[in-house]
Amino acid sequence: MLTLVGAGDGIGFAIGSQVQTWERPDIVIRPLADLAPTLTTYLLRRQSVPSEPMKRFIQPMKNGAASSGD
């Protein structure tokens, strides 16, 4: 992403902990003011019947998504 942005071929978004480590004089980094960003996260797993440990791992995430209205 940084290479594309630095070449003028794109823009990007990043989290604060990432940009603190970047030293790119060819890129302007500005915080997005007054926004409460939402980060959509996806669970990727093999397409098969999940094992019991996998089900226990997945269930709390499903519950969290249901309670947030997603």
Protein backbone atom coordinates (compact mmCIF):
# COMPACT_ATOMS: atom_id res chain seq x y z
CA MET A 1 0.00 0.00 0.00
CA LEU A 2 2.73 2.48 0.92
CA THR A 3 4.45 1.96 -2.41
CA LEU A 4 1.25 2.71 -4.32
CA VAL A 5 0.51 5.80 -2.23
CA GLY A 6 4.09 7.03 -2.56
CA ALA A 7 3.92 6.56 -6.33
CA GLY A 8 0.72 8.59 -6.51
CA ASP A 9 -1.36 5.57 -7.52
CA GLY A 10 -3.60 5.35 -4.48
CA ILE A 11 -4.64 6.42 -1.03
CA GLY A 12 -4.78 4.32 2.09
CA PHE A 13 -6.13 4.03 5.58
CA ALA A 14 -4.19 2.75 8.56
CA ILE A 15 -4.41 2.50 12.31
CA GLY A 16 -2.39 4.76 14.59
CA SER A 17 -0.02 2.06 15.78
CA GLN A 18 1.01 1.38 12.17
CA VAL A 19 1.68 4.95 11.09
CA GLN A 20 3.85 5.61 14.15
CA THR A 21 6.47 3.27 12.69
CA TRP A 22 6.46 4.63 9.14
CA GLU A 23 9.17 7.01 7.99
CA ARG A 24 8.07 8.01 4.50
CA PRO A 25 8.89 11.59 3.48
CA ASP A 26 6.97 11.01 0.23
CA ILE A 27 3.67 10.34 2.04
CA VAL A 28 1.47 12.75 4.01
CA ILE A 29 -0.19 11.12 7.01
CA ARG A 30 -3.11 12.91 8.63
CA PRO A 31 -5.54 11.73 11.32
CA LEU A 32 -9.23 11.62 10.45
CA ALA A 33 -10.80 14.10 12.88
CA ASP A 34 -14.11 13.69 14.67
CA LEU A 35 -14.82 10.21 13.36
CA ALA A 36 -15.65 7.10 15.33
CA PRO A 37 -14.39 4.49 12.88
CA THR A 38 -15.80 1.00 12.72
CA LEU A 39 -13.55 -1.85 11.73
CA THR A 40 -15.41 -4.71 10.07
CA THR A 41 -13.66 -7.98 10.81
CA TYR A 42 -14.30 -11.31 9.13
CA LEU A 43 -13.67 -14.83 10.34
CA LEU A 44 -12.22 -17.06 7.65
CA ARG A 45 -12.23 -20.80 8.12
CA ARG A 46 -12.23 -23.94 6.06
CA GLN A 47 -15.62 -24.82 4.56
CA SER A 48 -16.48 -27.91 6.57
CA VAL A 49 -18.31 -28.79 9.75
CA PRO A 50 -16.34 -27.01 12.49
CA SER A 51 -14.82 -29.00 15.33
CA GLU A 52 -16.13 -28.51 18.86
CA PRO A 53 -13.20 -26.24 19.85
CA MET A 54 -13.81 -24.18 16.70
CA LYS A 55 -17.52 -23.89 17.54
CA ARG A 56 -16.61 -22.63 21.03
CA PHE A 57 -14.27 -20.09 19.45
CA ILE A 58 -16.87 -18.88 16.92
CA GLN A 59 -19.91 -18.66 19.21
CA PRO A 60 -18.82 -15.61 21.29
CA MET A 61 -18.12 -13.71 18.08
CA LYS A 62 -21.58 -14.54 16.76
CA ASN A 63 -23.07 -13.37 20.06
CA GLY A 64 -21.10 -10.13 19.88
CA ALA A 65 -22.23 -9.48 16.32
CA ALA A 66 -25.84 -10.14 17.26
CA SER A 67 -25.70 -7.76 20.22
CA SER A 68 -24.20 -4.96 18.11
CA GLY A 69 -26.89 -5.25 15.47
CA ASP A 70 -24.63 -6.65 12.72
